[in-house]
PDB file of N, CA and C in Angstrom:
ATOM      1  N   UNK A   1      55.396 -10.634   1.930  1.00  0.00           N
ATOM      2  CA  UNK A   1      56.750 -11.470   1.700  1.00  0.00           C
ATOM      3  C   UNK A   1      57.279 -12.753   0.956  1.00  0.00           C
ATOM      4  N   UNK A   2      58.520 -12.576   0.218  1.00  0.00           N
ATOM      5  CA  UNK A   2      58.306 -13.027  -1.191  1.00  0.00           C
ATOM      6  C   UNK A   2      58.432 -14.664  -0.735  1.00  0.00           C
ATOM      7  N   UNK A   3      59.002 -15.290  -1.153  1.00  0.00           N
ATOM      8  CA  UNK A   3      58.960 -17.023  -1.277  1.00  0.00           C
ATOM      9  C   UNK A   3      60.679 -17.284  -0.858  1.00  0.00           C
ATOM     10  N   UNK A   4      61.286 -16.208  -1.328  1.00  0.00           N
ATOM     11  CA  UNK A   4      62.864 -16.671  -0.771  1.00  0.00           C
ATOM     12  C   UNK A   4      62.697 -15.726   0.492  1.00  0.00           C
ATOM     13  N   UNK A   5      62.426 -14.740   1.140  1.00  0.00           N
ATOM     14  CA  UNK A   5      62.474 -14.240   2.349  1.00  0.00           C
ATOM     15  C   UNK A   5      61.790 -15.158   3.846  1.00  0.00           C
ATOM     16  N   UNK A   6      60.604 -15.874   2.980  1.00  0.00           N
ATOM     17  CA  UNK A   6      60.546 -17.095   3.812  1.00  0.00           C
ATOM     18  C   UNK A   6      60.767 -18.083   3.806  1.00  0.00           C
ATOM     19  N   UNK A   7      61.786 -18.776   3.089  1.00  0.00           N
ATOM     20  CA  UNK A   7      62.268 -19.973   3.280  1.00  0.00           C
ATOM     21  C   UNK A   7      63.474 -20.016   3.706  1.00  0.00           C
ATOM     22  N   UNK A   8      64.282 -18.305   3.812  1.00  0.00           N
ATOM     23  CA  UNK A   8      64.943 -18.084   4.636  1.00  0.00           C
ATOM     24  C   UNK A   8      65.143 -17.831   6.080  1.00  0.00           C
ATOM     25  N   UNK A   9      63.778 -17.426   6.410  1.00  0.00           N
ATOM     26  CA  UNK A   9      63.323 -17.648   7.605  1.00  0.00           C
ATOM     27  C   UNK A   9      63.436 -18.952   8.146  1.00  0.00           C
ATOM     28  N   UNK A  10      62.241 -19.620   7.495  1.00  0.00           N
ATOM     29  CA  UNK A  10      62.113 -21.221   8.169  1.00  0.00           C
ATOM     30  C   UNK A  10      63.649 -21.552   8.201  1.00  0.00           C
ATOM     31  N   UNK A  11      64.150 -22.104   7.639  1.00  0.00           N
ATOM     32  CA  UNK A  11      65.724 -22.290   7.607  1.00  0.00           C
ATOM     33  C   UNK A  11      66.371 -21.745   8.394  1.00  0.00           C
ATOM     34  N   UNK A  12      66.515 -20.552   8.782  1.00  0.00           N
ATOM     35  CA  UNK A  12      67.165 -19.853   9.895  1.00  0.00           C
ATOM     36  C   UNK A  12      66.132 -20.736  11.237  1.00  0.00           C
ATOM     37  N   UNK A  13      64.995 -20.468  11.498  1.00  0.00           N
ATOM     38  CA  UNK A  13      64.109 -21.160  12.776  1.00  0.00           C
ATOM     39  C   UNK A  13      64.966 -22.850  12.740  1.00  0.00           C
ATOM     40  N   UNK A  14      64.747 -23.336  11.782  1.00  0.00           N
ATOM     41  CA  UNK A  14      65.285 -24.590  11.421  1.00  0.00           C
ATOM     42  C   UNK A  14      66.601 -25.155  12.440  1.00  0.00           C
ATOM     43  N   UNK A  15      67.276 -23.995  11.593  1.00  0.00           N
ATOM     44  CA  UNK A  15      68.744 -24.061  12.488  1.00  0.00           C
ATOM     45  C   UNK A  15      69.144 -23.824  13.271  1.00  0.00           C
ATOM     46  N   UNK A  16      68.163 -22.911  14.365  1.00  0.00           N
ATOM     47  CA  UNK A  16      68.355 -22.349  15.568  1.00  0.00           C
ATOM     48  C   UNK A  16      67.196 -23.676  16.332  1.00  0.00           C
ATOM     49  N   UNK A  17      66.604 -24.171  15.831  1.00  0.00           N
ATOM     50  CA  UNK A  17      65.902 -25.628  16.456  1.00  0.00           C
ATOM     51  C   UNK A  17      67.213 -26.575  16.776  1.00  0.00           C
ATOM     52  N   UNK A  18      67.944 -26.606  16.014  1.00  0.00           N
ATOM     53  CA  UNK A  18      69.006 -27.815  15.420  1.00  0.00           C
ATOM     54  C   UNK A  18      70.004 -27.726  16.462  1.00  0.00           C
ATOM     55  N   UNK A  19      70.197 -26.213  16.681  1.00  0.00           N
ATOM     56  CA  UNK A  19      71.273 -26.080  17.343  1.00  0.00           C
ATOM     57  C   UNK A  19      70.846 -25.971  19.228  1.00  0.00           C
ATOM     58  N   UNK A  20      69.510 -25.670  19.327  1.00  0.00           N
ATOM     59  CA  UNK A  20      69.127 -25.761  20.795  1.00  0.00           C
ATOM     60  C   UNK A  20      69.003 -27.334  21.124  1.00  0.00           C
ATOM     61  N   UNK A  21      68.062 -28.163  20.293  1.00  0.00           N
ATOM     62  CA  UNK A  21      68.480 -29.285  20.594  1.00  0.00           C
ATOM     63  C   UNK A  21      69.928 -30.097  21.134  1.00  0.00           C
ATOM     64  N   UNK A  22      70.962 -29.968  19.765  1.00  0.00           N
ATOM     65  CA  UNK A  22      72.045 -30.025  20.302  1.00  0.00           C
ATOM     66  C   UNK A  22      72.464 -29.669  21.484  1.00  0.00           C
ATOM     67  N   UNK A  23      72.293 -28.482  21.859  1.00  0.00           N
ATOM     68  CA  UNK A  23      72.879 -27.729  23.422  1.00  0.00           C
ATOM     69  C   UNK A  23      72.090 -28.603  24.722  1.00  0.00           C
ATOM     70  N   UNK A  24      70.618 -28.997  24.417  1.00  0.00           N
ATOM     71  CA  UNK A  24      70.053 -29.687  25.551  1.00  0.00           C
ATOM     72  C   UNK A  24      71.105 -30.836  25.593  1.00  0.00           C
ATOM     73  N   UNK A  25      71.074 -31.467  24.505  1.00  0.00           N
ATOM     74  CA  UNK A  25      71.824 -33.069  24.322  1.00  0.00           C
ATOM     75  C   UNK A  25      73.437 -32.905  25.159  1.00  0.00           C
ATOM     76  N   UNK A  26      74.013 -32.117  24.495  1.00  0.00           N
ATOM     77  CA  UNK A  26      75.224 -32.225  25.169  1.00  0.00           C
ATOM     78  C   UNK A  26      75.617 -31.296  26.694  1.00  0.00           C
ATOM     79  N   UNK A  27      74.239 -30.910  26.786  1.00  0.00           N
ATOM     80  CA  UNK A  27      74.051 -30.503  28.298  1.00  0.00           C
ATOM     81  C   UNK A  27      73.854 -31.840  29.481  1.00  0.00           C
ATOM     82  N   UNK A  28      72.657 -32.622  28.988  1.00  0.00           N
ATOM     83  CA  UNK A  28      72.703 -33.906  29.456  1.00  0.00           C
ATOM     84  C   UNK A  28      73.473 -34.300  29.602  1.00  0.00           C
ATOM     85  N   UNK A  29      74.733 -34.736  28.432  1.00  0.00           N
ATOM     86  CA  UNK A  29      75.484 -35.871  27.826  1.00  0.00           C
ATOM     87  C   UNK A  29      76.496 -35.048  29.541  1.00  0.00           C
ATOM     88  N   UNK A  30      76.430 -34.102  29.518  1.00  0.00           N
ATOM     89  CA  UNK A  30      77.556 -33.083  30.481  1.00  0.00           C
ATOM     90  C   UNK A  30      77.305 -33.507  31.663  1.00  0.00           C
ATOM     91  N   UNK A  31      75.765 -33.417  32.209  1.00  0.00           N
ATOM     92  CA  UNK A  31      75.386 -33.827  33.609  1.00  0.00           C
ATOM     93  C   UNK A  31      76.167 -34.888  34.117  1.00  0.00           C
ATOM     94  N   UNK A  32      75.441 -35.847  33.159  1.00  0.00           N
ATOM     95  CA  UNK A  32      75.804 -37.538  33.205  1.00  0.00           C
ATOM     96  C   UNK A  32      76.864 -37.987  33.698  1.00  0.00           C
ATOM     97  N   UNK A  33      77.707 -37.298  32.684  1.00  0.00           N
ATOM     98  CA  UNK A  33      79.541 -37.579  32.709  1.00  0.00           C
ATOM     99  C   UNK A  33      79.772 -37.278  34.006  1.00  0.00           C
ATOM    100  N   UNK A  34      79.506 -35.710  34.410  1.00  0.00           N
ATOM    101  CA  UNK A  34      80.194 -35.228  35.403  1.00  0.00           C
ATOM    102  C   UNK A  34      79.098 -36.012  36.853  1.00  0.00           C
ATOM    103  N   UNK A  35      77.942 -36.742  36.359  1.00  0.00           N
ATOM    104  CA  UNK A  35      77.436 -37.515  38.233  1.00  0.00           C
ATOM    105  C   UNK A  35      78.652 -38.947  37.374  1.00  0.00           C
ATOM    106  N   UNK A  36      78.623 -39.244  36.423  1.00  0.00           N
ATOM    107  CA  UNK A  36      79.101 -40.571  36.746  1.00  0.00           C
ATOM    108  C   UNK A  36      80.885 -40.633  37.284  1.00  0.00           C
ATOM    109  N   UNK A  37      81.320 -39.067  36.917  1.00  0.00           N
ATOM    110  CA  UNK A  37      82.695 -38.681  37.604  1.00  0.00           C
ATOM    111  C   UNK A  37      82.686 -38.660  39.424  1.00  0.00           C
ATOM    112  N   UNK A  38      81.192 -38.248  39.726  1.00  0.00           N
ATOM    113  CA  UNK A  38      80.960 -37.963  41.001  1.00  0.00           C
ATOM    114  C   UNK A  38      80.727 -39.157  41.779  1.00  0.00           C
ATOM    115  N   UNK A  39      80.308 -40.102  41.128  1.00  0.00           N
ATOM    116  CA  UNK A  39      80.305 -41.292  42.138  1.00  0.00           C
ATOM    117  C   UNK A  39      80.868 -42.687  41.609  1.00  0.00           C
ATOM    118  N   UNK A  40      82.495 -41.940  41.325  1.00  0.00           N
ATOM    119  CA  UNK A  40      83.314 -42.997  41.421  1.00  0.00           C
ATOM    120  C   UNK A  40      83.772 -43.533  39.803  1.00  0.00           C
ATOM    121  N   UNK A  41      83.295 -42.640  39.031  1.00  0.00           N
ATOM    122  CA  UNK A  41      83.869 -43.096  37.469  1.00  0.00           C
ATOM    123  C   UNK A  41      82.965 -43.827  37.203  1.00  0.00           C
ATOM    124  N   UNK A  42      83.381 -44.230  35.593  1.00  0.00           N
ATOM    125  CA  UNK A  42      82.934 -45.138  34.975  1.00  0.00           C
ATOM    126  C   UNK A  42      83.006 -46.770  34.916  1.00  0.00           C
ATOM    127  N   UNK A  43      83.106 -46.873  36.130  1.00  0.00           N
ATOM    128  CA  UNK A  43      82.882 -48.303  36.590  1.00  0.00           C
ATOM    129  C   UNK A  43      81.882 -49.228  37.015  1.00  0.00           C
ATOM    130  N   UNK A  44      81.608 -50.235  37.131  1.00  0.00           N
ATOM    131  CA  UNK A  44      80.301 -50.957  37.609  1.00  0.00           C
ATOM    132  C   UNK A  44      79.875 -50.552  38.228  1.00  0.00           C
ATOM    133  N   UNK A  45      80.753 -50.477  39.405  1.00  0.00           N
ATOM    134  CA  UNK A  45      79.868 -49.666  40.471  1.00  0.00           C
ATOM    135  C   UNK A  45      79.188 -48.635  40.159  1.00  0.00           C
ATOM    136  N   UNK A  46      79.826 -47.710  39.807  1.00  0.00           N
ATOM    137  CA  UNK A  46      79.453 -46.318  39.558  1.00  0.00           C
ATOM    138  C   UNK A  46      78.077 -46.624  38.755  1.00  0.00           C
ATOM    139  N   UNK A  47      78.194 -47.254  37.659  1.00  0.00           N
ATOM    140  CA  UNK A  47      76.950 -47.319  36.635  1.00  0.00           C
ATOM    141  C   UNK A  47      75.522 -48.146  37.903  1.00  0.00           C
ATOM    142  N   UNK A  48      76.232 -49.051  38.143  1.00  0.00           N
ATOM    143  CA  UNK A  48      74.861 -49.350  39.054  1.00  0.00           C
ATOM    144  C   UNK A  48      74.622 -48.847  40.064  1.00  0.00           C
ATOM    145  N   UNK A  49      75.418 -47.658  40.660  1.00  0.00           N
ATOM    146  CA  UNK A  49      74.748 -46.762  41.754  1.00  0.00           C
ATOM    147  C   UNK A  49      74.007 -45.710  41.159  1.00  0.00           C
ATOM    148  N   UNK A  50      74.558 -45.071  39.789  1.00  0.00           N
ATOM    149  CA  UNK A  50      74.006 -44.257  39.260  1.00  0.00           C
ATOM    150  C   UNK A  50      72.528 -44.930  38.491  1.00  0.00           C
ATOM    151  N   UNK A  51      72.315 -46.253  37.958  1.00  0.00           N
ATOM    152  CA  UNK A  51      71.363 -46.451  37.906  1.00  0.00           C
ATOM    153  C   UNK A  51      70.394 -46.692  39.190  1.00  0.00           C
ATOM    154  N   UNK A  52      70.672 -46.756  40.504  1.00  0.00           N
ATOM    155  CA  UNK A  52      70.098 -47.088  41.370  1.00  0.00           C
ATOM    156  C   UNK A  52      69.429 -45.918  41.904  1.00  0.00           C
ATOM    157  N   UNK A  53      70.221 -44.830  41.578  1.00  0.00           N
ATOM    158  CA  UNK A  53      69.654 -43.161  42.055  1.00  0.00           C
ATOM    159  C   UNK A  53      70.205 -42.525  43.281  1.00  0.00           C
ATOM    160  N   UNK A  54      71.386 -43.700  43.167  1.00  0.00           N
ATOM    161  CA  UNK A  54      72.595 -42.716  44.348  1.00  0.00           C
ATOM    162  C   UNK A  54      73.477 -41.846  43.732  1.00  0.00           C
ATOM    163  N   UNK A  55      73.239 -41.004  43.506  1.00  0.00           N
ATOM    164  CA  UNK A  55      74.413 -39.688  43.095  1.00  0.00           C
ATOM    165  C   UNK A  55      74.778 -38.958  44.312  1.00  0.00           C
ATOM    166  N   UNK A  56      74.894 -39.649  45.863  1.00  0.00           N
ATOM    167  CA  UNK A  56      75.707 -38.407  46.109  1.00  0.00           C
ATOM    168  C   UNK A  56      77.407 -38.822  46.601  1.00  0.00           C
ATOM    169  N   UNK A  57      77.876 -38.015  46.910  1.00  0.00           N
ATOM    170  CA  UNK A  57      79.434 -38.122  46.861  1.00  0.00           C
ATOM    171  C   UNK A  57      79.702 -39.496  47.424  1.00  0.00           C
ATOM    172  N   UNK A  58      80.775 -39.876  47.319  1.00  0.00           N
ATOM    173  CA  UNK A  58      81.234 -41.366  47.509  1.00  0.00           C
ATOM    174  C   UNK A  58      81.863 -41.039  48.942  1.00  0.00           C
TER     175      UNK A  58
END
């Protein structure tokens, strides 16, 4: 394997890793936003309930 091939493979793996991390972060953000909406929107009460772990529907 030449240097060029190994460099291309490692950069592709790095790009896949970045995309994977991005996908995970976006998923977590999406879940957090969904939970906030579920507990009554992004209000002080909703944030307080979210912080207290009360995620059931209102």
